[in-house]
Amino acid sequence: AYESIINVFEDGANGSYYVEDITQQIAEISWKLFIEIEESGGY
């Protein structure tokens, strides 16, 4: 936090194609699984 100043950025990976692509893939698959849980009655 205080030597690398790593905690001052709101979203340090924003704009990184690789990270953005993985983020979207994880989000899409997770949301699909969430819907399946909801269709089974919820958590």
PDB file of all heavy atoms in Angstrom:
ATOM      1  N   ALA A   1       0.818  -1.219   0.000  1.00  0.00           N
ATOM      2  CA  ALA A   1       0.000   0.000   0.000  1.00  0.00           C
ATOM      3  C   ALA A   1       0.849   1.266   0.000  1.00  0.00           C
ATOM      4  O   ALA A   1       0.580   2.205  -0.759  1.00  0.00           O
ATOM      5  CB  ALA A   1      -0.941  -0.005   1.198  1.00  0.00           C
ATOM      6  N   TYR A   2       1.902   1.294   0.837  1.00  0.00           N
ATOM      7  CA  TYR A   2       2.614   2.551   1.044  1.00  0.00           C
ATOM      8  C   TYR A   2       3.957   2.644   0.322  1.00  0.00           C
ATOM      9  O   TYR A   2       4.489   3.743   0.155  1.00  0.00           O
ATOM     10  CB  TYR A   2       2.812   2.788   2.540  1.00  0.00           C
ATOM     11  CG  TYR A   2       1.499   2.986   3.251  1.00  0.00           C
ATOM     12  CD1 TYR A   2       0.925   1.961   3.996  1.00  0.00           C
ATOM     13  CD2 TYR A   2       0.798   4.195   3.144  1.00  0.00           C
ATOM     14  CE1 TYR A   2      -0.302   2.124   4.623  1.00  0.00           C
ATOM     15  CE2 TYR A   2      -0.422   4.368   3.773  1.00  0.00           C
ATOM     16  CZ  TYR A   2      -0.966   3.330   4.508  1.00  0.00           C
ATOM     17  OH  TYR A   2      -2.179   3.503   5.119  1.00  0.00           O
ATOM     18  N   GLU A   3       4.493   1.511  -0.121  1.00  0.00           N
ATOM     19  CA  GLU A   3       5.738   1.547  -0.884  1.00  0.00           C
ATOM     20  C   GLU A   3       5.461   1.420  -2.391  1.00  0.00           C
ATOM     21  O   GLU A   3       6.098   2.079  -3.198  1.00  0.00           O
ATOM     22  CB  GLU A   3       6.672   0.419  -0.436  1.00  0.00           C
ATOM     23  CG  GLU A   3       7.117   0.510   1.021  1.00  0.00           C
ATOM     24  CD  GLU A   3       8.008   1.715   1.292  1.00  0.00           C
ATOM     25  OE1 GLU A   3       8.634   2.217   0.350  1.00  0.00           O
ATOM     26  OE2 GLU A   3       8.058   2.157   2.461  1.00  0.00           O
ATOM     27  N   SER A   4       4.508   0.555  -2.732  1.00  0.00           N
ATOM     28  CA  SER A   4       4.175   0.378  -4.154  1.00  0.00           C
ATOM     29  C   SER A   4       3.001   1.250  -4.577  1.00  0.00           C
ATOM     30  O   SER A   4       2.664   1.307  -5.756  1.00  0.00           O
ATOM     31  CB  SER A   4       3.840  -1.092  -4.435  1.00  0.00           C
ATOM     32  OG  SER A   4       4.920  -1.926  -4.097  1.00  0.00           O
ATOM     33  N   ILE A   5       2.351   1.887  -3.631  1.00  0.00           N
ATOM     34  CA  ILE A   5       1.187   2.746  -3.893  1.00  0.00           C
ATOM     35  C   ILE A   5       0.157   1.978  -4.724  1.00  0.00           C
ATOM     36  O   ILE A   5      -0.422   2.503  -5.676  1.00  0.00           O
ATOM     37  CB  ILE A   5       1.604   4.053  -4.628  1.00  0.00           C
ATOM     38  CG1 ILE A   5       2.920   4.585  -4.074  1.00  0.00           C
ATOM     39  CG2 ILE A   5       0.522   5.128  -4.479  1.00  0.00           C
ATOM     40  CD1 ILE A   5       2.877   4.994  -2.630  1.00  0.00           C
ATOM     41  N   ILE A   6      -0.059   0.732  -4.349  1.00  0.00           N
ATOM     42  CA  ILE A   6      -0.887  -0.147  -5.169  1.00  0.00           C
ATOM     43  C   ILE A   6      -2.381   0.020  -4.886  1.00  0.00           C
ATOM     44  O   ILE A   6      -3.230  -0.450  -5.632  1.00  0.00           O
ATOM     45  CB  ILE A   6      -0.453  -1.615  -4.948  1.00  0.00           C
ATOM     46  CG1 ILE A   6      -0.814  -2.492  -6.148  1.00  0.00           C
ATOM     47  CG2 ILE A   6      -1.035  -2.179  -3.661  1.00  0.00           C
ATOM     48  CD1 ILE A   6      -0.218  -3.872  -6.089  1.00  0.00           C
ATOM     49  N   ASN A   7      -2.683   0.711  -3.790  1.00  0.00           N
ATOM     50  CA  ASN A   7      -4.082   0.794  -3.361  1.00  0.00           C
ATOM     51  C   ASN A   7      -4.757   2.113  -3.724  1.00  0.00           C
ATOM     52  O   ASN A   7      -5.862   2.388  -3.267  1.00  0.00           O
ATOM     53  CB  ASN A   7      -4.168   0.598  -1.843  1.00  0.00           C
ATOM     54  CG  ASN A   7      -3.450   1.696  -1.072  1.00  0.00           C
ATOM     55  OD1 ASN A   7      -2.465   2.239  -1.564  1.00  0.00           O
ATOM     56  ND2 ASN A   7      -3.925   2.005   0.118  1.00  0.00           N
ATOM     57  N   VAL A   8      -4.103   2.943  -4.541  1.00  0.00           N
ATOM     58  CA  VAL A   8      -4.674   4.264  -4.825  1.00  0.00           C
ATOM     59  C   VAL A   8      -5.543   4.273  -6.077  1.00  0.00           C
ATOM     60  O   VAL A   8      -6.250   5.245  -6.330  1.00  0.00           O
ATOM     61  CB  VAL A   8      -3.563   5.335  -4.973  1.00  0.00           C
ATOM     62  CG1 VAL A   8      -2.749   5.441  -3.707  1.00  0.00           C
ATOM     63  CG2 VAL A   8      -2.661   5.012  -6.160  1.00  0.00           C
ATOM     64  N   PHE A   9      -5.480   3.181  -6.860  1.00  0.00           N
ATOM     65  CA  PHE A   9      -6.230   3.157  -8.109  1.00  0.00           C
ATOM     66  C   PHE A   9      -7.600   2.521  -7.913  1.00  0.00           C
ATOM     67  O   PHE A   9      -7.730   1.486  -7.258  1.00  0.00           O
ATOM     68  CB  PHE A   9      -5.456   2.386  -9.179  1.00  0.00           C
ATOM     69  CG  PHE A   9      -4.097   2.955  -9.457  1.00  0.00           C
ATOM     70  CD1 PHE A   9      -2.964   2.370  -8.936  1.00  0.00           C
ATOM     71  CD2 PHE A   9      -3.967   4.107 -10.222  1.00  0.00           C
ATOM     72  CE1 PHE A   9      -1.709   2.907  -9.180  1.00  0.00           C
ATOM     73  CE2 PHE A   9      -2.717   4.656 -10.471  1.00  0.00           C
ATOM     74  CZ  PHE A   9      -1.585   4.053  -9.949  1.00  0.00           C
ATOM     75  N   GLU A  10      -8.600   3.135  -8.495  1.00  0.00           N
ATOM     76  CA  GLU A  10      -9.960   2.612  -8.398  1.00  0.00           C
ATOM     77  C   GLU A  10     -10.068   1.253  -9.078  1.00  0.00           C
ATOM     78  O   GLU A  10     -10.689   0.334  -8.575  1.00  0.00           O
ATOM     79  CB  GLU A  10     -10.945   3.605  -9.050  1.00  0.00           C
ATOM     80  CG  GLU A  10     -12.401   3.211  -8.940  1.00  0.00           C
ATOM     81  CD  GLU A  10     -12.944   3.334  -7.525  1.00  0.00           C
ATOM     82  OE1 GLU A  10     -12.376   4.112  -6.733  1.00  0.00           O
ATOM     83  OE2 GLU A  10     -13.931   2.633  -7.215  1.00  0.00           O
ATOM     84  N   ASP A  11      -9.443   1.126 -10.240  1.00  0.00           N
ATOM     85  CA  ASP A  11      -9.481  -0.129 -10.998  1.00  0.00           C
ATOM     86  C   ASP A  11      -8.205  -0.207 -11.834  1.00  0.00           C
ATOM     87  O   ASP A  11      -8.182   0.165 -12.995  1.00  0.00           O
ATOM     88  CB  ASP A  11     -10.729  -0.180 -11.882  1.00  0.00           C
ATOM     89  CG  ASP A  11     -10.870  -1.495 -12.638  1.00  0.00           C
ATOM     90  OD1 ASP A  11     -10.061  -2.412 -12.384  1.00  0.00           O
ATOM     91  OD2 ASP A  11     -11.773  -1.609 -13.481  1.00  0.00           O
ATOM     92  N   GLY A  12      -7.144  -0.717 -11.205  1.00  0.00           N
ATOM     93  CA  GLY A  12      -5.826  -0.704 -11.823  1.00  0.00           C
ATOM     94  C   GLY A  12      -5.714  -1.539 -13.091  1.00  0.00           C
ATOM     95  O   GLY A  12      -4.825  -1.322 -13.906  1.00  0.00           O
ATOM     96  N   ALA A  13      -6.612  -2.509 -13.276  1.00  0.00           N
ATOM     97  CA  ALA A  13      -6.549  -3.376 -14.455  1.00  0.00           C
ATOM     98  C   ALA A  13      -7.450  -2.882 -15.585  1.00  0.00           C
ATOM     99  O   ALA A  13      -7.501  -3.509 -16.645  1.00  0.00           O
ATOM    100  CB  ALA A  13      -6.947  -4.804 -14.077  1.00  0.00           C
ATOM    101  N   ASN A  14      -8.132  -1.788 -15.359  1.00  0.00           N
ATOM    102  CA  ASN A  14      -9.049  -1.255 -16.357  1.00  0.00           C
ATOM    103  C   ASN A  14      -8.323  -0.965 -17.666  1.00  0.00           C
ATOM    104  O   ASN A  14      -7.299  -0.294 -17.687  1.00  0.00           O
ATOM    105  CB  ASN A  14      -9.698   0.029 -15.829  1.00  0.00           C
ATOM    106  CG  ASN A  14     -10.747   0.570 -16.773  1.00  0.00           C
ATOM    107  OD1 ASN A  14     -11.349  -0.170 -17.534  1.00  0.00           O
ATOM    108  ND2 ASN A  14     -10.944   1.881 -16.732  1.00  0.00           N
ATOM    109  N   GLY A  15      -8.855  -1.505 -18.770  1.00  0.00           N
ATOM    110  CA  GLY A  15      -8.267  -1.265 -20.075  1.00  0.00           C
ATOM    111  C   GLY A  15      -7.297  -2.334 -20.530  1.00  0.00           C
ATOM    112  O   GLY A  15      -6.899  -2.348 -21.692  1.00  0.00           O
ATOM    113  N   SER A  16      -6.910  -3.238 -19.600  1.00  0.00           N
ATOM    114  CA  SER A  16      -6.036  -4.349 -19.988  1.00  0.00           C
ATOM    115  C   SER A  16      -6.876  -5.379 -20.747  1.00  0.00           C
ATOM    116  O   SER A  16      -7.778  -5.987 -20.178  1.00  0.00           O
ATOM    117  CB  SER A  16      -5.415  -5.000 -18.752  1.00  0.00           C
ATOM    118  OG  SER A  16      -4.874  -6.270 -19.067  1.00  0.00           O
ATOM    119  N   TYR A  17      -6.570  -5.575 -22.025  1.00  0.00           N
ATOM    120  CA  TYR A  17      -7.402  -6.457 -22.849  1.00  0.00           C
ATOM    121  C   TYR A  17      -7.519  -7.842 -22.224  1.00  0.00           C
ATOM    122  O   TYR A  17      -8.611  -8.413 -22.149  1.00  0.00           O
ATOM    123  CB  TYR A  17      -6.830  -6.572 -24.265  1.00  0.00           C
ATOM    124  CG  TYR A  17      -7.549  -7.619 -25.089  1.00  0.00           C
ATOM    125  CD1 TYR A  17      -8.792  -7.344 -25.661  1.00  0.00           C
ATOM    126  CD2 TYR A  17      -7.017  -8.896 -25.239  1.00  0.00           C
ATOM    127  CE1 TYR A  17      -9.466  -8.305 -26.393  1.00  0.00           C
ATOM    128  CE2 TYR A  17      -7.685  -9.869 -25.968  1.00  0.00           C
ATOM    129  CZ  TYR A  17      -8.904  -9.572 -26.541  1.00  0.00           C
ATOM    130  OH  TYR A  17      -9.581 -10.525 -27.252  1.00  0.00           O
ATOM    131  N   TYR A  18      -6.384  -8.404 -21.784  1.00  0.00           N
ATOM    132  CA  TYR A  18      -6.370  -9.764 -21.242  1.00  0.00           C
ATOM    133  C   TYR A  18      -7.263  -9.879 -20.014  1.00  0.00           C
ATOM    134  O   TYR A  18      -8.130 -10.749 -19.935  1.00  0.00           O
ATOM    135  CB  TYR A  18      -4.931 -10.161 -20.907  1.00  0.00           C
ATOM    136  CG  TYR A  18      -4.789 -11.561 -20.363  1.00  0.00           C
ATOM    137  CD1 TYR A  18      -5.225 -12.663 -21.096  1.00  0.00           C
ATOM    138  CD2 TYR A  18      -4.206 -11.785 -19.122  1.00  0.00           C
ATOM    139  CE1 TYR A  18      -5.079 -13.955 -20.603  1.00  0.00           C
ATOM    140  CE2 TYR A  18      -4.064 -13.068 -18.623  1.00  0.00           C
ATOM    141  CZ  TYR A  18      -4.504 -14.154 -19.368  1.00  0.00           C
ATOM    142  OH  TYR A  18      -4.371 -15.419 -18.865  1.00  0.00           O
ATOM    143  N   VAL A  19      -7.063  -8.963 -19.061  1.00  0.00           N
ATOM    144  CA  VAL A  19      -7.849  -9.011 -17.826  1.00  0.00           C
ATOM    145  C   VAL A  19      -9.315  -8.708 -18.099  1.00  0.00           C
ATOM    146  O   VAL A  19     -10.210  -9.333 -17.529  1.00  0.00           O
ATOM    147  CB  VAL A  19      -7.280  -8.039 -16.768  1.00  0.00           C
ATOM    148  CG1 VAL A  19      -8.158  -8.025 -15.515  1.00  0.00           C
ATOM    149  CG2 VAL A  19      -5.856  -8.431 -16.397  1.00  0.00           C
ATOM    150  N   GLU A  20      -9.574  -7.754 -18.972  1.00  0.00           N
ATOM    151  CA  GLU A  20     -10.958  -7.411 -19.316  1.00  0.00           C
ATOM    152  C   GLU A  20     -11.674  -8.616 -19.933  1.00  0.00           C
ATOM    153  O   GLU A  20     -12.835  -8.902 -19.614  1.00  0.00           O
ATOM    154  CB  GLU A  20     -10.993  -6.232 -20.298  1.00  0.00           C
ATOM    155  CG  GLU A  20     -10.494  -4.920 -19.739  1.00  0.00           C
ATOM    156  CD  GLU A  20     -11.520  -4.219 -18.856  1.00  0.00           C
ATOM    157  OE1 GLU A  20     -12.548  -4.845 -18.510  1.00  0.00           O
ATOM    158  OE2 GLU A  20     -11.288  -3.059 -18.513  1.00  0.00           O
ATOM    159  N   ASP A  21     -10.969  -9.343 -20.803  1.00  0.00           N
ATOM    160  CA  ASP A  21     -11.558 -10.500 -21.471  1.00  0.00           C
ATOM    161  C   ASP A  21     -11.866 -11.604 -20.467  1.00  0.00           C
ATOM    162  O   ASP A  21     -12.960 -12.190 -20.480  1.00  0.00           O
ATOM    163  CB  ASP A  21     -10.610 -11.017 -22.554  1.00  0.00           C
ATOM    164  CG  ASP A  21     -11.241 -12.129 -23.386  1.00  0.00           C
ATOM    165  OD1 ASP A  21     -12.339 -11.911 -23.928  1.00  0.00           O
ATOM    166  OD2 ASP A  21     -10.649 -13.213 -23.484  1.00  0.00           O
ATOM    167  N   ILE A  22     -10.924 -11.884 -19.573  1.00  0.00           N
ATOM    168  CA  ILE A  22     -11.156 -12.911 -18.546  1.00  0.00           C
ATOM    169  C   ILE A  22     -12.304 -12.494 -17.633  1.00  0.00           C
ATOM    170  O   ILE A  22     -13.150 -13.307 -17.250  1.00  0.00           O
ATOM    171  CB  ILE A  22      -9.890 -13.151 -17.702  1.00  0.00           C
ATOM    172  CG1 ILE A  22      -8.716 -13.555 -18.563  1.00  0.00           C
ATOM    173  CG2 ILE A  22     -10.145 -14.252 -16.666  1.00  0.00           C
ATOM    174  CD1 ILE A  22      -7.395 -13.573 -17.808  1.00  0.00           C
ATOM    175  N   THR A  23     -12.330 -11.214 -17.282  1.00  0.00           N
ATOM    176  CA  THR A  23     -13.391 -10.693 -16.406  1.00  0.00           C
ATOM    177  C   THR A  23     -14.761 -10.969 -17.010  1.00  0.00           C
ATOM    178  O   THR A  23     -15.674 -11.453 -16.333  1.00  0.00           O
ATOM    179  CB  THR A  23     -13.215  -9.178 -16.182  1.00  0.00           C
ATOM    180  OG1 THR A  23     -11.950  -8.931 -15.559  1.00  0.00           O
ATOM    181  CG2 THR A  23     -14.332  -8.627 -15.305  1.00  0.00           C
ATOM    182  N   GLN A  24     -14.905 -10.662 -18.304  1.00  0.00           N
ATOM    183  CA  GLN A  24     -16.188 -10.863 -18.974  1.00  0.00           C
ATOM    184  C   GLN A  24     -16.557 -12.343 -19.059  1.00  0.00           C
ATOM    185  O   GLN A  24     -17.718 -12.710 -18.842  1.00  0.00           O
ATOM    186  CB  GLN A  24     -16.139 -10.247 -20.381  1.00  0.00           C
ATOM    187  CG  GLN A  24     -16.126  -8.726 -20.381  1.00  0.00           C
ATOM    188  CD  GLN A  24     -17.360  -8.130 -19.719  1.00  0.00           C
ATOM    189  OE1 GLN A  24     -18.467  -8.626 -19.870  1.00  0.00           O
ATOM    190  NE2 GLN A  24     -17.160  -7.062 -18.962  1.00  0.00           N
ATOM    191  N   GLN A  25     -15.568 -13.181 -19.330  1.00  0.00           N
ATOM    192  CA  GLN A  25     -15.841 -14.618 -19.412  1.00  0.00           C
ATOM    193  C   GLN A  25     -16.300 -15.171 -18.070  1.00  0.00           C
ATOM    194  O   GLN A  25     -17.276 -15.930 -17.994  1.00  0.00           O
ATOM    195  CB  GLN A  25     -14.579 -15.359 -19.877  1.00  0.00           C
ATOM    196  CG  GLN A  25     -14.238 -15.150 -21.342  1.00  0.00           C
ATOM    197  CD  GLN A  25     -13.080 -16.031 -21.777  1.00  0.00           C
ATOM    198  OE1 GLN A  25     -13.083 -17.233 -21.536  1.00  0.00           O
ATOM    199  NE2 GLN A  25     -12.090 -15.447 -22.415  1.00  0.00           N
ATOM    200  N   ILE A  26     -15.581 -14.801 -17.007  1.00  0.00           N
ATOM    201  CA  ILE A  26     -15.950 -15.264 -15.665  1.00  0.00           C
ATOM    202  C   ILE A  26     -17.345 -14.761 -15.296  1.00  0.00           C
ATOM    203  O   ILE A  26     -18.168 -15.503 -14.752  1.00  0.00           O
ATOM    204  CB  ILE A  26     -14.916 -14.798 -14.620  1.00  0.00           C
ATOM    205  CG1 ILE A  26     -13.585 -15.526 -14.842  1.00  0.00           C
ATOM    206  CG2 ILE A  26     -15.417 -15.053 -13.198  1.00  0.00           C
ATOM    207  CD1 ILE A  26     -12.452 -15.036 -13.954  1.00  0.00           C
ATOM    208  N   ALA A  27     -17.616 -13.498 -15.590  1.00  0.00           N
ATOM    209  CA  ALA A  27     -18.907 -12.901 -15.257  1.00  0.00           C
ATOM    210  C   ALA A  27     -20.051 -13.607 -15.989  1.00  0.00           C
ATOM    211  O   ALA A  27     -21.085 -13.924 -15.383  1.00  0.00           O
ATOM    212  CB  ALA A  27     -18.903 -11.415 -15.586  1.00  0.00           C
ATOM    213  N   GLU A  28     -19.864 -13.873 -17.260  1.00  0.00           N
ATOM    214  CA  GLU A  28     -20.927 -14.513 -18.053  1.00  0.00           C
ATOM    215  C   GLU A  28     -21.229 -15.931 -17.567  1.00  0.00           C
ATOM    216  O   GLU A  28     -22.395 -16.303 -17.415  1.00  0.00           O
ATOM    217  CB  GLU A  28     -20.515 -14.541 -19.531  1.00  0.00           C
ATOM    218  CG  GLU A  28     -20.547 -13.167 -20.202  1.00  0.00           C
ATOM    219  CD  GLU A  28     -19.975 -13.198 -21.605  1.00  0.00           C
ATOM    220  OE1 GLU A  28     -19.734 -14.312 -22.127  1.00  0.00           O
ATOM    221  OE2 GLU A  28     -19.772 -12.115 -22.191  1.00  0.00           O
ATOM    222  N   ILE A  29     -20.188 -16.712 -17.320  1.00  0.00           N
ATOM    223  CA  ILE A  29     -20.396 -18.094 -16.857  1.00  0.00           C
ATOM    224  C   ILE A  29     -21.002 -18.108 -15.448  1.00  0.00           C
ATOM    225  O   ILE A  29     -21.890 -18.909 -15.150  1.00  0.00           O
ATOM    226  CB  ILE A  29     -19.064 -18.874 -16.880  1.00  0.00           C
ATOM    227  CG1 ILE A  29     -18.545 -18.981 -18.316  1.00  0.00           C
ATOM    228  CG2 ILE A  29     -19.241 -20.272 -16.286  1.00  0.00           C
ATOM    229  CD1 ILE A  29     -17.135 -19.534 -18.425  1.00  0.00           C
ATOM    230  N   SER A  30     -20.529 -17.203 -14.589  1.00  0.00           N
ATOM    231  CA  SER A  30     -21.041 -17.127 -13.212  1.00  0.00           C
ATOM    232  C   SER A  30     -22.519 -16.733 -13.194  1.00  0.00           C
ATOM    233  O   SER A  30     -23.313 -17.284 -12.425  1.00  0.00           O
ATOM    234  CB  SER A  30     -20.225 -16.121 -12.395  1.00  0.00           C
ATOM    235  OG  SER A  30     -18.877 -16.497 -12.322  1.00  0.00           O
ATOM    236  N   TRP A  31     -22.883 -15.773 -14.044  1.00  0.00           N
ATOM    237  CA  TRP A  31     -24.279 -15.327 -14.092  1.00  0.00           C
ATOM    238  C   TRP A  31     -25.190 -16.459 -14.580  1.00  0.00           C
ATOM    239  O   TRP A  31     -26.287 -16.647 -14.055  1.00  0.00           O
ATOM    240  CB  TRP A  31     -24.422 -14.107 -14.987  1.00  0.00           C
ATOM    241  CG  TRP A  31     -25.800 -13.523 -14.963  1.00  0.00           C
ATOM    242  CD1 TRP A  31     -26.802 -13.727 -15.862  1.00  0.00           C
ATOM    243  CD2 TRP A  31     -26.344 -12.662 -13.950  1.00  0.00           C
ATOM    244  NE1 TRP A  31     -27.930 -13.049 -15.495  1.00  0.00           N
ATOM    245  CE2 TRP A  31     -27.684 -12.383 -14.323  1.00  0.00           C
ATOM    246  CE3 TRP A  31     -25.831 -12.100 -12.787  1.00  0.00           C
ATOM    247  CZ2 TRP A  31     -28.510 -11.563 -13.558  1.00  0.00           C
ATOM    248  CZ3 TRP A  31     -26.654 -11.278 -12.025  1.00  0.00           C
ATOM    249  CH2 TRP A  31     -27.967 -11.021 -12.408  1.00  0.00           C
ATOM    250  N   LYS A  32     -24.709 -17.201 -15.549  1.00  0.00           N
ATOM    251  CA  LYS A  32     -25.481 -18.339 -16.067  1.00  0.00           C
ATOM    252  C   LYS A  32     -25.712 -19.369 -14.963  1.00  0.00           C
ATOM    253  O   LYS A  32     -26.825 -19.893 -14.803  1.00  0.00           O
ATOM    254  CB  LYS A  32     -24.747 -18.979 -17.245  1.00  0.00           C
ATOM    255  CG  LYS A  32     -25.495 -20.144 -17.877  1.00  0.00           C
ATOM    256  CD  LYS A  32     -24.722 -20.722 -19.059  1.00  0.00           C
ATOM    257  CE  LYS A  32     -25.463 -21.922 -19.659  1.00  0.00           C
ATOM    258  NZ  LYS A  32     -24.699 -22.520 -20.802  1.00  0.00           N
ATOM    259  N   LEU A  33     -24.675 -19.652 -14.180  1.00  0.00           N
ATOM    260  CA  LEU A  33     -24.801 -20.609 -13.081  1.00  0.00           C
ATOM    261  C   LEU A  33     -25.715 -20.060 -11.985  1.00  0.00           C
ATOM    262  O   LEU A  33     -26.510 -20.793 -11.393  1.00  0.00           O
ATOM    263  CB  LEU A  33     -23.420 -20.920 -12.506  1.00  0.00           C
ATOM    264  CG  LEU A  33     -23.356 -21.940 -11.367  1.00  0.00           C
ATOM    265  CD1 LEU A  33     -24.034 -23.254 -11.746  1.00  0.00           C
ATOM    266  CD2 LEU A  33     -21.905 -22.184 -10.955  1.00  0.00           C
ATOM    267  N   PHE A  34     -25.612 -18.751 -11.733  1.00  0.00           N
ATOM    268  CA  PHE A  34     -26.501 -18.092 -10.769  1.00  0.00           C
ATOM    269  C   PHE A  34     -27.961 -18.265 -11.176  1.00  0.00           C
ATOM    270  O   PHE A  34     -28.819 -18.571 -10.336  1.00  0.00           O
ATOM    271  CB  PHE A  34     -26.132 -16.613 -10.672  1.00  0.00           C
ATOM    272  CG  PHE A  34     -27.175 -15.748 -10.036  1.00  0.00           C
ATOM    273  CD1 PHE A  34     -27.495 -15.882  -8.694  1.00  0.00           C
ATOM    274  CD2 PHE A  34     -27.852 -14.796 -10.790  1.00  0.00           C
ATOM    275  CE1 PHE A  34     -28.476 -15.074  -8.105  1.00  0.00           C
ATOM    276  CE2 PHE A  34     -28.824 -13.991 -10.219  1.00  0.00           C
ATOM    277  CZ  PHE A  34     -29.136 -14.138  -8.867  1.00  0.00           C
ATOM    278  N   ILE A  35     -28.259 -18.093 -12.446  1.00  0.00           N
ATOM    279  CA  ILE A  35     -29.624 -18.264 -12.952  1.00  0.00           C
ATOM    280  C   ILE A  35     -30.093 -19.703 -12.729  1.00  0.00           C
ATOM    281  O   ILE A  35     -31.255 -19.949 -12.354  1.00  0.00           O
ATOM    282  CB  ILE A  35     -29.713 -17.895 -14.449  1.00  0.00           C
ATOM    283  CG1 ILE A  35     -29.416 -16.407 -14.652  1.00  0.00           C
ATOM    284  CG2 ILE A  35     -31.080 -18.251 -15.019  1.00  0.00           C
ATOM    285  CD1 ILE A  35     -30.357 -15.464 -13.937  1.00  0.00           C
ATOM    286  N   GLU A  36     -29.206 -20.674 -12.945  1.00  0.00           N
ATOM    287  CA  GLU A  36     -29.552 -22.083 -12.718  1.00  0.00           C
ATOM    288  C   GLU A  36     -29.914 -22.330 -11.259  1.00  0.00           C
ATOM    289  O   GLU A  36     -30.864 -23.066 -10.949  1.00  0.00           O
ATOM    290  CB  GLU A  36     -28.376 -22.981 -13.133  1.00  0.00           C
ATOM    291  CG  GLU A  36     -28.133 -23.029 -14.634  1.00  0.00           C
ATOM    292  CD  GLU A  36     -26.919 -23.878 -14.996  1.00  0.00           C
ATOM    293  OE1 GLU A  36     -26.393 -24.582 -14.091  1.00  0.00           O
ATOM    294  OE2 GLU A  36     -26.494 -23.852 -16.164  1.00  0.00           O
ATOM    295  N   ILE A  37     -29.155 -21.704 -10.342  1.00  0.00           N
ATOM    296  CA  ILE A  37     -29.447 -21.842  -8.911  1.00  0.00           C
ATOM    297  C   ILE A  37     -30.793 -21.206  -8.593  1.00  0.00           C
ATOM    298  O   ILE A  37     -31.605 -21.757  -7.842  1.00  0.00           O
ATOM    299  CB  ILE A  37     -28.331 -21.207  -8.056  1.00  0.00           C
ATOM    300  CG1 ILE A  37     -27.015 -21.979  -8.242  1.00  0.00           C
ATOM    301  CG2 ILE A  37     -28.714 -21.187  -6.577  1.00  0.00           C
ATOM    302  CD1 ILE A  37     -25.812 -21.336  -7.569  1.00  0.00           C
ATOM    303  N   GLU A  38     -31.042 -20.048  -9.192  1.00  0.00           N
ATOM    304  CA  GLU A  38     -32.318 -19.367  -8.966  1.00  0.00           C
ATOM    305  C   GLU A  38     -33.491 -20.190  -9.494  1.00  0.00           C
ATOM    306  O   GLU A  38     -34.550 -20.267  -8.863  1.00  0.00           O
ATOM    307  CB  GLU A  38     -32.297 -17.992  -9.642  1.00  0.00           C
ATOM    308  CG  GLU A  38     -31.458 -16.967  -8.925  1.00  0.00           C
ATOM    309  CD  GLU A  38     -31.907 -16.751  -7.491  1.00  0.00           C
ATOM    310  OE1 GLU A  38     -33.032 -16.274  -7.286  1.00  0.00           O
ATOM    311  OE2 GLU A  38     -31.135 -17.095  -6.572  1.00  0.00           O
ATOM    312  N   GLU A  39     -33.307 -20.816 -10.641  1.00  0.00           N
ATOM    313  CA  GLU A  39     -34.377 -21.635 -11.219  1.00  0.00           C
ATOM    314  C   GLU A  39     -34.641 -22.892 -10.394  1.00  0.00           C
ATOM    315  O   GLU A  39     -35.705 -23.499 -10.498  1.00  0.00           O
ATOM    316  CB  GLU A  39     -34.010 -22.008 -12.662  1.00  0.00           C
ATOM    317  CG  GLU A  39     -34.069 -20.815 -13.618  1.00  0.00           C
ATOM    318  CD  GLU A  39     -33.592 -21.160 -15.013  1.00  0.00           C
ATOM    319  OE1 GLU A  39     -32.991 -22.258 -15.189  1.00  0.00           O
ATOM    320  OE2 GLU A  39     -33.806 -20.342 -15.934  1.00  0.00           O
ATOM    321  N   SER A  40     -33.662 -23.253  -9.552  1.00  0.00           N
ATOM    322  CA  SER A  40     -33.841 -24.399  -8.651  1.00  0.00           C
ATOM    323  C   SER A  40     -34.442 -23.983  -7.315  1.00  0.00           C
ATOM    324  O   SER A  40     -34.547 -24.796  -6.393  1.00  0.00           O
ATOM    325  CB  SER A  40     -32.492 -25.095  -8.417  1.00  0.00           C
ATOM    326  OG  SER A  40     -31.997 -25.641  -9.617  1.00  0.00           O
ATOM    327  N   GLY A  41     -34.782 -22.686  -7.207  1.00  0.00           N
ATOM    328  CA  GLY A  41     -35.427 -22.201  -5.993  1.00  0.00           C
ATOM    329  C   GLY A  41     -34.602 -21.244  -5.178  1.00  0.00           C
ATOM    330  O   GLY A  41     -35.031 -20.768  -4.128  1.00  0.00           O
ATOM    331  N   GLY A  42     -33.368 -20.974  -5.607  1.00  0.00           N
ATOM    332  CA  GLY A  42     -32.505 -20.066  -4.869  1.00  0.00           C
ATOM    333  C   GLY A  42     -31.465 -20.803  -4.040  1.00  0.00           C
ATOM    334  O   GLY A  42     -31.395 -22.036  -4.046  1.00  0.00           O
ATOM    335  N   TYR A  43     -30.665 -20.044  -3.313  1.00  0.00           N
ATOM    336  CA  TYR A  43     -29.544 -20.615  -2.564  1.00  0.00           C
ATOM    337  C   TYR A  43     -29.989 -21.617  -1.507  1.00  0.00           C
ATOM    338  O   TYR A  43     -29.519 -22.755  -1.469  1.00  0.00           O
ATOM    339  CB  TYR A  43     -28.718 -19.497  -1.924  1.00  0.00           C
ATOM    340  CG  TYR A  43     -27.654 -20.021  -0.987  1.00  0.00           C
ATOM    341  CD1 TYR A  43     -26.508 -20.632  -1.485  1.00  0.00           C
ATOM    342  CD2 TYR A  43     -27.806 -19.926   0.397  1.00  0.00           C
ATOM    343  CE1 TYR A  43     -25.533 -21.133  -0.636  1.00  0.00           C
ATOM    344  CE2 TYR A  43     -26.839 -20.414   1.258  1.00  0.00           C
ATOM    345  CZ  TYR A  43     -25.710 -21.024   0.735  1.00  0.00           C
ATOM    346  OH  TYR A  43     -24.760 -21.523   1.595  1.00  0.00           O
TER     347      TYR A  43
END
